[in-house]
Amino acid sequence: MIKTVIFDIGNVLVNFHWREMYKEKGLSGEVFDRVAKATILSPIWCEIDRGIMTYEEVLDAFVSQDKEMESEIRRVLADTHRIVTKRDFAISWICSLKEKGLQVLVLSNFGEKLIDDCPDAMDFLSYTDGGILSYKDHLLKPEPEIYQLLLTRYGLKAEECVFIDDLQENIDAAKTQGIYGIVFKTYEQAREELNKLLEN
């Protein structure tokens, strides 16, 4: 019997629109490609989510990937407003689950600056019962420790939880901890799969 629904955030409860944000700030062609490769497509991006390095240290690390793009990198990432945008179904989905008596948590790789710069898109957080944002605990999915921490912190039984994430590797990692998993593709698909699981 499922008692707890755990949501990823990016590309599940919000849109992660980095390409759109970069284009809105005037990046195109080769400059777009180079800045993207040095930043969002670099393994260094994970350090924003891990929360050990300061944002300035992360920016310096991005610049080290392509020093010729320093001014563009710093300009584009000085303000990450609209890198995350609202999904209209997020709050209503959370509320409908809570009305059924379910606990609703989040488990997401997410950086503090993105939270601070996109408050409107993140307003659903106040409707949840808590969870883990990676930057606060310095752990990342799909590391097993982040799933174990969530289970321990909230006194959860893995077999009573289902995790919804858009990445298969994160779902696979949850399953190794005994947590049910649903790969999010669309709201309608994920909601239907969840409802079927809740009926069992």
N, C-alpha and C. Protein backbone atom coordinates (compact mmCIF):
# COMPACT_ATOMS: atom_id res chain seq x y z
N MET A 1 0.85 -1.20 0.00
CA MET A 1 0.00 0.00 0.00
C MET A 1 0.88 1.25 0.00
N ILE A 2 0.68 2.10 -0.99
CA ILE A 2 1.46 3.33 -1.10
C ILE A 2 0.92 4.39 -0.14
N LYS A 3 1.82 4.94 0.66
CA LYS A 3 1.45 5.99 1.60
C LYS A 3 2.14 7.32 1.28
N THR A 4 3.25 7.26 0.53
CA THR A 4 4.05 8.46 0.25
C THR A 4 4.37 8.55 -1.23
N VAL A 5 4.09 9.71 -1.83
CA VAL A 5 4.47 9.99 -3.21
C VAL A 5 5.62 10.98 -3.18
N ILE A 6 6.71 10.63 -3.86
CA ILE A 6 7.92 11.44 -3.88
C ILE A 6 8.12 11.97 -5.29
N PHE A 7 8.22 13.27 -5.43
CA PHE A 7 8.38 13.90 -6.74
C PHE A 7 9.80 14.44 -6.94
N ASP A 8 10.35 14.19 -8.12
CA ASP A 8 11.43 15.01 -8.63
C ASP A 8 10.82 16.37 -8.97
N ILE A 9 11.65 17.37 -9.19
CA ILE A 9 11.13 18.70 -9.52
C ILE A 9 11.34 19.06 -10.99
N GLY A 10 12.60 19.16 -11.44
CA GLY A 10 12.88 19.61 -12.80
C GLY A 10 12.33 18.68 -13.87
N ASN A 11 11.55 19.24 -14.78
CA ASN A 11 10.90 18.51 -15.86
C ASN A 11 9.86 17.52 -15.37
N VAL A 12 9.44 17.69 -14.11
CA VAL A 12 8.29 16.96 -13.57
C VAL A 12 7.28 17.99 -13.05
N LEU A 13 7.62 18.70 -11.98
CA LEU A 13 6.72 19.71 -11.42
C LEU A 13 6.97 21.11 -11.99
N VAL A 14 8.13 21.29 -12.62
CA VAL A 14 8.43 22.56 -13.32
C VAL A 14 9.10 22.24 -14.65
N ASN A 15 9.09 23.23 -15.54
CA ASN A 15 9.87 23.13 -16.77
C ASN A 15 11.29 23.62 -16.49
N PHE A 16 12.28 22.88 -16.97
CA PHE A 16 13.67 23.34 -16.89
C PHE A 16 14.03 23.88 -18.26
N HIS A 17 13.90 25.20 -18.43
CA HIS A 17 13.96 25.85 -19.74
C HIS A 17 15.28 26.60 -19.95
N TRP A 18 16.39 25.90 -19.77
CA TRP A 18 17.67 26.60 -19.89
C TRP A 18 17.91 27.08 -21.33
N ARG A 19 17.54 26.27 -22.31
CA ARG A 19 17.75 26.68 -23.71
C ARG A 19 16.99 27.97 -24.01
N GLU A 20 15.74 28.02 -23.57
CA GLU A 20 14.93 29.21 -23.80
C GLU A 20 15.54 30.43 -23.10
N MET A 21 16.02 30.24 -21.87
CA MET A 21 16.62 31.35 -21.13
C MET A 21 17.87 31.86 -21.84
N TYR A 22 18.71 30.95 -22.29
CA TYR A 22 19.93 31.35 -22.99
C TYR A 22 19.58 32.14 -24.25
N LYS A 23 18.56 31.69 -24.99
CA LYS A 23 18.18 32.39 -26.22
C LYS A 23 17.56 33.75 -25.91
N GLU A 24 16.77 33.81 -24.83
CA GLU A 24 16.18 35.10 -24.42
C GLU A 24 17.26 36.12 -24.09
N LYS A 25 18.43 35.63 -23.65
CA LYS A 25 19.53 36.52 -23.31
C LYS A 25 20.46 36.77 -24.49
N GLY A 26 20.01 36.37 -25.67
CA GLY A 26 20.71 36.74 -26.90
C GLY A 26 21.75 35.77 -27.41
N LEU A 27 21.86 34.61 -26.82
CA LEU A 27 22.84 33.63 -27.30
C LEU A 27 22.30 32.89 -28.51
N SER A 28 23.15 32.68 -29.49
CA SER A 28 22.75 31.93 -30.68
C SER A 28 24.01 31.37 -31.35
N GLY A 29 23.79 30.44 -32.27
CA GLY A 29 24.88 29.90 -33.07
C GLY A 29 26.01 29.32 -32.25
N GLU A 30 27.24 29.64 -32.66
CA GLU A 30 28.43 29.10 -32.02
C GLU A 30 28.55 29.56 -30.57
N VAL A 31 28.18 30.80 -30.29
CA VAL A 31 28.28 31.32 -28.92
C VAL A 31 27.34 30.52 -28.01
N PHE A 32 26.13 30.27 -28.46
CA PHE A 32 25.19 29.45 -27.68
C PHE A 32 25.81 28.09 -27.38
N ASP A 33 26.34 27.45 -28.41
CA ASP A 33 26.90 26.10 -28.24
C ASP A 33 28.07 26.09 -27.27
N ARG A 34 28.93 27.09 -27.39
CA ARG A 34 30.12 27.12 -26.52
C ARG A 34 29.76 27.41 -25.07
N VAL A 35 28.84 28.36 -24.87
CA VAL A 35 28.42 28.67 -23.50
C VAL A 35 27.70 27.48 -22.89
N ALA A 36 26.85 26.83 -23.66
CA ALA A 36 26.14 25.66 -23.16
C ALA A 36 27.12 24.55 -22.78
N LYS A 37 28.10 24.30 -23.63
CA LYS A 37 29.08 23.25 -23.36
C LYS A 37 29.89 23.55 -22.09
N ALA A 38 30.19 24.82 -21.88
CA ALA A 38 30.99 25.21 -20.70
C ALA A 38 30.18 25.25 -19.42
N THR A 39 28.86 25.30 -19.53
CA THR A 39 28.02 25.49 -18.35
C THR A 39 27.05 24.33 -18.13
N ILE A 40 25.87 24.44 -18.69
CA ILE A 40 24.81 23.49 -18.39
C ILE A 40 25.14 22.08 -18.85
N LEU A 41 25.93 21.95 -19.92
CA LEU A 41 26.27 20.62 -20.44
C LEU A 41 27.58 20.10 -19.87
N SER A 42 28.18 20.85 -18.98
CA SER A 42 29.42 20.44 -18.33
C SER A 42 29.10 19.68 -17.05
N PRO A 43 29.92 18.68 -16.70
CA PRO A 43 29.74 18.00 -15.41
C PRO A 43 29.78 18.95 -14.22
N ILE A 44 30.39 20.12 -14.41
CA ILE A 44 30.49 21.09 -13.33
C ILE A 44 29.12 21.59 -12.88
N TRP A 45 28.12 21.54 -13.78
CA TRP A 45 26.78 22.00 -13.42
C TRP A 45 26.26 21.27 -12.18
N CYS A 46 26.63 20.03 -12.04
CA CYS A 46 26.19 19.24 -10.87
C CYS A 46 26.62 19.87 -9.56
N GLU A 47 27.71 20.67 -9.60
CA GLU A 47 28.19 21.29 -8.37
C GLU A 47 27.22 22.35 -7.85
N ILE A 48 26.43 22.94 -8.74
CA ILE A 48 25.38 23.86 -8.28
C ILE A 48 24.39 23.09 -7.43
N ASP A 49 24.02 21.90 -7.92
CA ASP A 49 23.06 21.06 -7.21
C ASP A 49 23.64 20.48 -5.92
N ARG A 50 24.94 20.16 -5.93
CA ARG A 50 25.53 19.55 -4.73
C ARG A 50 25.67 20.55 -3.59
N GLY A 51 25.88 21.82 -3.92
CA GLY A 51 25.84 22.85 -2.91
C GLY A 51 27.06 22.98 -2.02
N ILE A 52 28.19 22.44 -2.43
CA ILE A 52 29.41 22.58 -1.64
C ILE A 52 30.20 23.81 -2.08
N MET A 53 30.32 23.99 -3.38
CA MET A 53 30.99 25.18 -3.92
C MET A 53 30.03 26.38 -3.87
N THR A 54 30.58 27.57 -3.69
CA THR A 54 29.77 28.78 -3.80
C THR A 54 29.41 28.98 -5.27
N TYR A 55 28.38 29.79 -5.50
CA TYR A 55 27.98 30.04 -6.89
C TYR A 55 29.11 30.74 -7.65
N GLU A 56 29.83 31.62 -7.00
CA GLU A 56 30.95 32.30 -7.65
C GLU A 56 32.04 31.31 -8.02
N GLU A 57 32.29 30.34 -7.16
CA GLU A 57 33.28 29.30 -7.47
C GLU A 57 32.84 28.47 -8.66
N VAL A 58 31.56 28.19 -8.74
CA VAL A 58 31.05 27.43 -9.89
C VAL A 58 31.19 28.24 -11.17
N LEU A 59 30.88 29.53 -11.10
CA LEU A 59 31.04 30.39 -12.27
C LEU A 59 32.49 30.41 -12.74
N ASP A 60 33.42 30.51 -11.79
CA ASP A 60 34.84 30.49 -12.15
C ASP A 60 35.20 29.17 -12.83
N ALA A 61 34.63 28.07 -12.35
CA ALA A 61 34.89 26.77 -12.96
C ALA A 61 34.31 26.70 -14.36
N PHE A 62 33.12 27.28 -14.57
CA PHE A 62 32.56 27.35 -15.92
C PHE A 62 33.48 28.13 -16.85
N VAL A 63 33.95 29.27 -16.39
CA VAL A 63 34.82 30.12 -17.21
C VAL A 63 36.09 29.37 -17.59
N SER A 64 36.60 28.56 -16.68
CA SER A 64 37.83 27.80 -16.97
C SER A 64 37.64 26.82 -18.12
N GLN A 65 36.38 26.47 -18.42
CA GLN A 65 36.10 25.57 -19.53
C GLN A 65 36.25 26.26 -20.89
N ASP A 66 36.03 27.58 -20.91
CA ASP A 66 36.12 28.33 -22.18
C ASP A 66 36.32 29.80 -21.84
N LYS A 67 37.57 30.18 -21.63
CA LYS A 67 37.87 31.53 -21.15
C LYS A 67 37.46 32.62 -22.13
N GLU A 68 37.41 32.29 -23.41
CA GLU A 68 36.98 33.29 -24.39
C GLU A 68 35.51 33.68 -24.22
N MET A 69 34.75 32.82 -23.56
CA MET A 69 33.32 33.06 -23.36
C MET A 69 33.02 33.63 -21.96
N GLU A 70 34.04 34.10 -21.25
CA GLU A 70 33.85 34.52 -19.86
C GLU A 70 32.75 35.55 -19.71
N SER A 71 32.77 36.61 -20.52
CA SER A 71 31.77 37.67 -20.34
C SER A 71 30.37 37.16 -20.59
N GLU A 72 30.21 36.28 -21.59
CA GLU A 72 28.88 35.73 -21.88
C GLU A 72 28.42 34.79 -20.78
N ILE A 73 29.31 33.97 -20.29
CA ILE A 73 28.96 33.05 -19.21
C ILE A 73 28.49 33.81 -17.98
N ARG A 74 29.25 34.80 -17.58
CA ARG A 74 28.90 35.57 -16.38
C ARG A 74 27.62 36.37 -16.59
N ARG A 75 27.44 36.91 -17.77
CA ARG A 75 26.24 37.71 -18.04
C ARG A 75 24.98 36.83 -17.99
N VAL A 76 25.04 35.69 -18.65
CA VAL A 76 23.86 34.83 -18.75
C VAL A 76 23.48 34.22 -17.41
N LEU A 77 24.47 33.89 -16.60
CA LEU A 77 24.19 33.19 -15.34
C LEU A 77 24.18 34.10 -14.11
N ALA A 78 24.32 35.39 -14.33
CA ALA A 78 24.21 36.32 -13.20
C ALA A 78 22.81 36.26 -12.61
N ASP A 79 21.82 36.05 -13.47
CA ASP A 79 20.43 35.96 -13.04
C ASP A 79 19.79 34.80 -13.77
N THR A 80 19.36 33.79 -13.03
CA THR A 80 18.78 32.60 -13.67
C THR A 80 17.25 32.62 -13.64
N HIS A 81 16.67 33.80 -13.47
CA HIS A 81 15.22 33.93 -13.54
C HIS A 81 14.73 33.37 -14.87
N ARG A 82 13.70 32.55 -14.80
CA ARG A 82 13.05 31.90 -15.95
C ARG A 82 13.82 30.69 -16.48
N ILE A 83 14.89 30.28 -15.82
CA ILE A 83 15.49 29.01 -16.21
C ILE A 83 14.55 27.87 -15.79
N VAL A 84 13.74 28.17 -14.77
CA VAL A 84 12.70 27.24 -14.32
C VAL A 84 11.36 27.96 -14.44
N THR A 85 10.37 27.31 -15.07
CA THR A 85 9.07 27.93 -15.23
C THR A 85 7.97 26.99 -14.71
N LYS A 86 6.86 27.61 -14.36
CA LYS A 86 5.75 26.92 -13.69
C LYS A 86 5.08 25.90 -14.61
N ARG A 87 4.65 24.78 -14.02
CA ARG A 87 3.73 23.86 -14.66
C ARG A 87 2.40 23.96 -13.91
N ASP A 88 1.35 24.28 -14.63
CA ASP A 88 0.07 24.61 -13.99
C ASP A 88 -0.53 23.48 -13.18
N PHE A 89 -0.17 22.25 -13.52
CA PHE A 89 -0.80 21.12 -12.82
C PHE A 89 -0.13 20.80 -11.48
N ALA A 90 1.02 21.38 -11.19
CA ALA A 90 1.81 20.95 -10.03
C ALA A 90 1.03 21.03 -8.72
N ILE A 91 0.49 22.20 -8.41
CA ILE A 91 -0.18 22.37 -7.12
C ILE A 91 -1.44 21.52 -7.04
N SER A 92 -2.22 21.50 -8.11
CA SER A 92 -3.47 20.73 -8.06
C SER A 92 -3.19 19.24 -7.93
N TRP A 93 -2.11 18.75 -8.55
CA TRP A 93 -1.75 17.33 -8.43
C TRP A 93 -1.36 17.01 -6.99
N ILE A 94 -0.51 17.85 -6.43
CA ILE A 94 -0.08 17.65 -5.04
C ILE A 94 -1.28 17.66 -4.10
N CYS A 95 -2.16 18.65 -4.27
CA CYS A 95 -3.32 18.77 -3.38
C CYS A 95 -4.27 17.58 -3.52
N SER A 96 -4.45 17.09 -4.74
CA SER A 96 -5.35 15.95 -4.93
C SER A 96 -4.81 14.71 -4.24
N LEU A 97 -3.50 14.55 -4.23
CA LEU A 97 -2.89 13.40 -3.54
C LEU A 97 -3.02 13.53 -2.03
N LYS A 98 -2.82 14.74 -1.53
CA LYS A 98 -2.94 14.95 -0.09
C LYS A 98 -4.38 14.77 0.38
N GLU A 99 -5.33 15.11 -0.47
CA GLU A 99 -6.74 14.92 -0.12
C GLU A 99 -7.07 13.42 0.03
N LYS A 100 -6.26 12.58 -0.62
CA LYS A 100 -6.44 11.13 -0.50
C LYS A 100 -5.72 10.57 0.73
N GLY A 101 -5.10 11.46 1.50
CA GLY A 101 -4.41 11.04 2.71
C GLY A 101 -2.97 10.63 2.50
N LEU A 102 -2.42 10.95 1.33
CA LEU A 102 -1.04 10.60 1.02
C LEU A 102 -0.09 11.69 1.49
N GLN A 103 1.10 11.25 1.89
CA GLN A 103 2.18 12.19 2.17
C GLN A 103 2.85 12.52 0.83
N VAL A 104 3.19 13.79 0.62
CA VAL A 104 3.85 14.20 -0.62
C VAL A 104 5.18 14.88 -0.30
N LEU A 105 6.25 14.30 -0.83
CA LEU A 105 7.60 14.81 -0.61
C LEU A 105 8.27 15.10 -1.95
N VAL A 106 9.35 15.87 -1.90
CA VAL A 106 10.18 16.09 -3.09
C VAL A 106 11.57 15.50 -2.85
N LEU A 107 12.19 15.07 -3.94
CA LEU A 107 13.56 14.58 -3.90
C LEU A 107 14.20 15.02 -5.21
N SER A 108 15.04 16.05 -5.14
CA SER A 108 15.48 16.68 -6.38
C SER A 108 16.91 17.19 -6.31
N ASN A 109 17.62 17.04 -7.43
CA ASN A 109 18.90 17.71 -7.61
C ASN A 109 18.58 19.15 -7.98
N PHE A 110 18.84 20.05 -7.05
CA PHE A 110 18.44 21.44 -7.27
C PHE A 110 19.38 22.36 -6.52
N GLY A 111 19.72 23.50 -7.16
CA GLY A 111 20.63 24.46 -6.57
C GLY A 111 19.92 25.61 -5.89
N GLU A 112 20.56 26.19 -4.90
CA GLU A 112 19.95 27.26 -4.11
C GLU A 112 19.64 28.49 -4.96
N LYS A 113 20.55 28.85 -5.88
CA LYS A 113 20.32 30.05 -6.68
C LYS A 113 19.07 29.91 -7.55
N LEU A 114 18.86 28.71 -8.09
CA LEU A 114 17.68 28.51 -8.93
C LEU A 114 16.40 28.64 -8.11
N ILE A 115 16.45 28.17 -6.86
CA ILE A 115 15.31 28.34 -5.96
C ILE A 115 15.06 29.83 -5.72
N ASP A 116 16.14 30.56 -5.43
CA ASP A 116 16.01 31.98 -5.09
C ASP A 116 15.56 32.82 -6.29
N ASP A 117 16.04 32.47 -7.50
CA ASP A 117 15.75 33.27 -8.68
C ASP A 117 14.39 32.98 -9.30
N CYS A 118 13.78 31.86 -8.94
CA CYS A 118 12.53 31.44 -9.60
C CYS A 118 11.42 31.15 -8.57
N PRO A 119 11.12 32.10 -7.67
CA PRO A 119 10.16 31.81 -6.61
C PRO A 119 8.76 31.49 -7.11
N ASP A 120 8.33 32.13 -8.18
CA ASP A 120 6.97 31.88 -8.68
C ASP A 120 6.81 30.44 -9.15
N ALA A 121 7.83 29.93 -9.85
CA ALA A 121 7.75 28.57 -10.37
C ALA A 121 7.82 27.53 -9.26
N MET A 122 8.41 27.92 -8.13
CA MET A 122 8.61 26.97 -7.03
C MET A 122 7.55 27.08 -5.94
N ASP A 123 6.46 27.78 -6.22
CA ASP A 123 5.47 28.02 -5.17
C ASP A 123 4.77 26.75 -4.71
N PHE A 124 4.87 25.67 -5.48
CA PHE A 124 4.26 24.41 -5.08
C PHE A 124 4.92 23.81 -3.84
N LEU A 125 6.15 24.22 -3.54
CA LEU A 125 6.89 23.61 -2.43
C LEU A 125 6.14 23.76 -1.10
N SER A 126 5.46 24.85 -0.93
CA SER A 126 4.75 25.08 0.34
C SER A 126 3.56 24.13 0.51
N TYR A 127 3.16 23.47 -0.56
CA TYR A 127 2.04 22.53 -0.48
C TYR A 127 2.51 21.10 -0.17
N THR A 128 3.80 20.85 -0.25
CA THR A 128 4.32 19.52 0.04
C THR A 128 4.55 19.33 1.53
N ASP A 129 4.90 18.11 1.88
CA ASP A 129 5.19 17.79 3.29
C ASP A 129 6.69 17.78 3.57
N GLY A 130 7.47 18.35 2.65
CA GLY A 130 8.91 18.40 2.86
C GLY A 130 9.65 17.63 1.78
N GLY A 131 10.83 17.13 2.15
CA GLY A 131 11.64 16.39 1.19
C GLY A 131 13.10 16.82 1.25
N ILE A 132 13.82 16.48 0.19
CA ILE A 132 15.25 16.79 0.13
C ILE A 132 15.55 17.53 -1.16
N LEU A 133 16.16 18.69 -1.02
CA LEU A 133 16.76 19.42 -2.13
C LEU A 133 18.27 19.23 -2.01
N SER A 134 18.89 18.77 -3.06
CA SER A 134 20.27 18.27 -2.99
C SER A 134 21.26 19.26 -2.39
N TYR A 135 21.11 20.55 -2.68
CA TYR A 135 22.11 21.51 -2.24
C TYR A 135 22.19 21.61 -0.72
N LYS A 136 21.09 21.27 -0.03
CA LYS A 136 21.07 21.38 1.42
C LYS A 136 21.82 20.24 2.10
N ASP A 137 21.82 19.06 1.46
CA ASP A 137 22.44 17.89 2.08
C ASP A 137 23.68 17.40 1.32
N HIS A 138 24.03 18.09 0.24
CA HIS A 138 25.26 17.81 -0.51
C HIS A 138 25.32 16.39 -1.05
N LEU A 139 24.15 15.88 -1.44
CA LEU A 139 24.04 14.57 -2.06
C LEU A 139 23.26 14.73 -3.36
N LEU A 140 23.54 13.83 -4.32
CA LEU A 140 22.87 13.90 -5.62
C LEU A 140 22.26 12.56 -5.99
N LYS A 141 21.11 12.61 -6.68
CA LYS A 141 20.63 11.41 -7.35
C LYS A 141 21.57 11.13 -8.52
N PRO A 142 21.85 9.91 -8.86
CA PRO A 142 21.29 8.67 -8.33
C PRO A 142 22.13 8.02 -7.21
N GLU A 143 22.87 8.81 -6.44
CA GLU A 143 23.64 8.24 -5.33
C GLU A 143 22.69 7.58 -4.34
N PRO A 144 22.96 6.35 -3.92
CA PRO A 144 22.03 5.65 -3.02
C PRO A 144 21.83 6.37 -1.69
N GLU A 145 22.84 7.12 -1.26
CA GLU A 145 22.76 7.78 0.04
C GLU A 145 21.61 8.79 0.12
N ILE A 146 21.27 9.42 -1.01
CA ILE A 146 20.22 10.44 -0.95
C ILE A 146 18.85 9.80 -0.74
N TYR A 147 18.66 8.61 -1.31
CA TYR A 147 17.40 7.89 -1.11
C TYR A 147 17.33 7.36 0.32
N GLN A 148 18.44 6.85 0.80
CA GLN A 148 18.48 6.34 2.17
C GLN A 148 18.21 7.46 3.17
N LEU A 149 18.77 8.63 2.91
CA LEU A 149 18.55 9.77 3.81
C LEU A 149 17.08 10.16 3.85
N LEU A 150 16.43 10.18 2.70
CA LEU A 150 15.01 10.53 2.67
C LEU A 150 14.19 9.53 3.48
N LEU A 151 14.45 8.24 3.29
CA LEU A 151 13.72 7.21 4.02
C LEU A 151 13.92 7.35 5.53
N THR A 152 15.17 7.59 5.90
CA THR A 152 15.49 7.70 7.33
C THR A 152 14.90 8.97 7.95
N ARG A 153 15.08 10.08 7.27
CA ARG A 153 14.65 11.37 7.82
C ARG A 153 13.14 11.42 8.07
N TYR A 154 12.39 10.78 7.18
CA TYR A 154 10.93 10.85 7.30
C TYR A 154 10.32 9.55 7.84
N GLY A 155 11.17 8.62 8.28
CA GLY A 155 10.68 7.38 8.86
C GLY A 155 9.82 6.58 7.91
N LEU A 156 10.26 6.50 6.65
CA LEU A 156 9.47 5.86 5.61
C LEU A 156 9.84 4.39 5.44
N LYS A 157 8.86 3.60 5.02
CA LYS A 157 9.12 2.25 4.57
C LYS A 157 9.18 2.29 3.05
N ALA A 158 10.28 1.81 2.48
CA ALA A 158 10.49 1.92 1.04
C ALA A 158 9.34 1.36 0.23
N GLU A 159 8.80 0.23 0.68
CA GLU A 159 7.74 -0.44 -0.09
C GLU A 159 6.41 0.32 -0.03
N GLU A 160 6.35 1.37 0.78
CA GLU A 160 5.14 2.20 0.86
C GLU A 160 5.32 3.52 0.11
N CYS A 161 6.41 3.63 -0.65
CA CYS A 161 6.74 4.87 -1.36
C CYS A 161 6.80 4.65 -2.87
N VAL A 162 6.45 5.68 -3.62
CA VAL A 162 6.64 5.68 -5.07
C VAL A 162 7.33 6.99 -5.44
N PHE A 163 8.30 6.89 -6.32
CA PHE A 163 9.10 8.03 -6.75
C PHE A 163 8.83 8.31 -8.22
N ILE A 164 8.58 9.58 -8.55
CA ILE A 164 8.30 10.00 -9.92
C ILE A 164 9.41 10.93 -10.38
N ASP A 165 10.14 10.53 -11.42
CA ASP A 165 11.31 11.26 -11.91
C ASP A 165 11.35 11.12 -13.43
N ASP A 166 11.91 12.11 -14.11
CA ASP A 166 11.95 12.03 -15.57
C ASP A 166 13.16 11.25 -16.11
N LEU A 167 14.08 10.86 -15.24
CA LEU A 167 15.28 10.14 -15.69
C LEU A 167 15.26 8.70 -15.21
N GLN A 168 15.46 7.78 -16.16
CA GLN A 168 15.40 6.35 -15.85
C GLN A 168 16.44 5.97 -14.81
N GLU A 169 17.65 6.55 -14.88
CA GLU A 169 18.69 6.16 -13.94
C GLU A 169 18.33 6.50 -12.49
N ASN A 170 17.58 7.58 -12.31
CA ASN A 170 17.16 7.95 -10.96
C ASN A 170 16.06 7.02 -10.44
N ILE A 171 15.20 6.58 -11.34
CA ILE A 171 14.18 5.60 -10.97
C ILE A 171 14.82 4.26 -10.65
N ASP A 172 15.79 3.86 -11.46
CA ASP A 172 16.49 2.59 -11.22
C ASP A 172 17.17 2.60 -9.85
N ALA A 173 17.77 3.74 -9.50
CA ALA A 173 18.44 3.84 -8.20
C ALA A 173 17.42 3.75 -7.06
N ALA A 174 16.26 4.36 -7.24
CA ALA A 174 15.21 4.27 -6.22
C ALA A 174 14.76 2.83 -6.04
N LYS A 175 14.63 2.12 -7.14
CA LYS A 175 14.16 0.72 -7.07
C LYS A 175 15.15 -0.16 -6.33
N THR A 176 16.45 0.16 -6.43
CA THR A 176 17.43 -0.64 -5.68
C THR A 176 17.26 -0.47 -4.18
N GLN A 177 16.59 0.62 -3.77
CA GLN A 177 16.31 0.85 -2.35
C GLN A 177 14.94 0.32 -1.95
N GLY A 178 14.25 -0.32 -2.89
CA GLY A 178 12.94 -0.89 -2.59
C GLY A 178 11.77 0.03 -2.83
N ILE A 179 12.03 1.20 -3.44
CA ILE A 179 11.00 2.20 -3.70
C ILE A 179 10.40 1.94 -5.08
N TYR A 180 9.07 2.01 -5.19
CA TYR A 180 8.44 1.92 -6.50
C TYR A 180 8.84 3.15 -7.33
N GLY A 181 8.83 2.98 -8.65
CA GLY A 181 9.24 4.09 -9.50
C GLY A 181 8.38 4.26 -10.73
N ILE A 182 8.18 5.51 -11.12
CA ILE A 182 7.47 5.86 -12.36
C ILE A 182 8.33 6.86 -13.11
N VAL A 183 8.65 6.55 -14.36
CA VAL A 183 9.39 7.49 -15.20
C VAL A 183 8.40 8.48 -15.80
N PHE A 184 8.58 9.76 -15.48
CA PHE A 184 7.67 10.81 -15.95
C PHE A 184 7.97 11.13 -17.41
N LYS A 185 6.95 11.00 -18.25
CA LYS A 185 7.05 11.42 -19.65
C LYS A 185 6.08 12.57 -19.93
N THR A 186 4.84 12.36 -19.51
CA THR A 186 3.84 13.43 -19.56
C THR A 186 3.03 13.38 -18.27
N TYR A 187 2.36 14.47 -17.98
CA TYR A 187 1.51 14.52 -16.78
C TYR A 187 0.43 13.44 -16.84
N GLU A 188 -0.20 13.32 -18.00
CA GLU A 188 -1.30 12.37 -18.13
C GLU A 188 -0.81 10.94 -17.93
N GLN A 189 0.33 10.61 -18.54
CA GLN A 189 0.89 9.25 -18.41
C GLN A 189 1.29 8.94 -16.98
N ALA A 190 1.99 9.88 -16.34
CA ALA A 190 2.46 9.64 -14.97
C ALA A 190 1.29 9.57 -13.99
N ARG A 191 0.32 10.43 -14.15
CA ARG A 191 -0.86 10.42 -13.27
C ARG A 191 -1.61 9.10 -13.41
N GLU A 192 -1.75 8.61 -14.64
CA GLU A 192 -2.46 7.34 -14.86
C GLU A 192 -1.71 6.18 -14.22
N GLU A 193 -0.39 6.14 -14.40
CA GLU A 193 0.40 5.07 -13.79
C GLU A 193 0.34 5.13 -12.27
N LEU A 194 0.38 6.35 -11.74
CA LEU A 194 0.30 6.51 -10.30
C LEU A 194 -1.06 6.06 -9.78
N ASN A 195 -2.12 6.45 -10.44
CA ASN A 195 -3.46 6.08 -9.99
C ASN A 195 -3.64 4.57 -9.98
N LYS A 196 -3.10 3.88 -10.98
CA LYS A 196 -3.18 2.43 -11.04
C LYS A 196 -2.44 1.81 -9.85
N LEU A 197 -1.28 2.38 -9.54
CA LEU A 197 -0.49 1.85 -8.42
C LEU A 197 -1.21 2.08 -7.10
N LEU A 198 -1.87 3.22 -6.97
CA LEU A 198 -2.58 3.55 -5.74
C LEU A 198 -3.81 2.67 -5.54
N GLU A 199 -4.34 2.15 -6.62
CA GLU A 199 -5.53 1.29 -6.55
C GLU A 199 -5.19 -0.11 -6.05
N ASN A 200 -3.92 -0.49 -6.16
CA ASN A 200 -3.52 -1.85 -5.75
C ASN A 200 -3.49 -2.02 -4.23
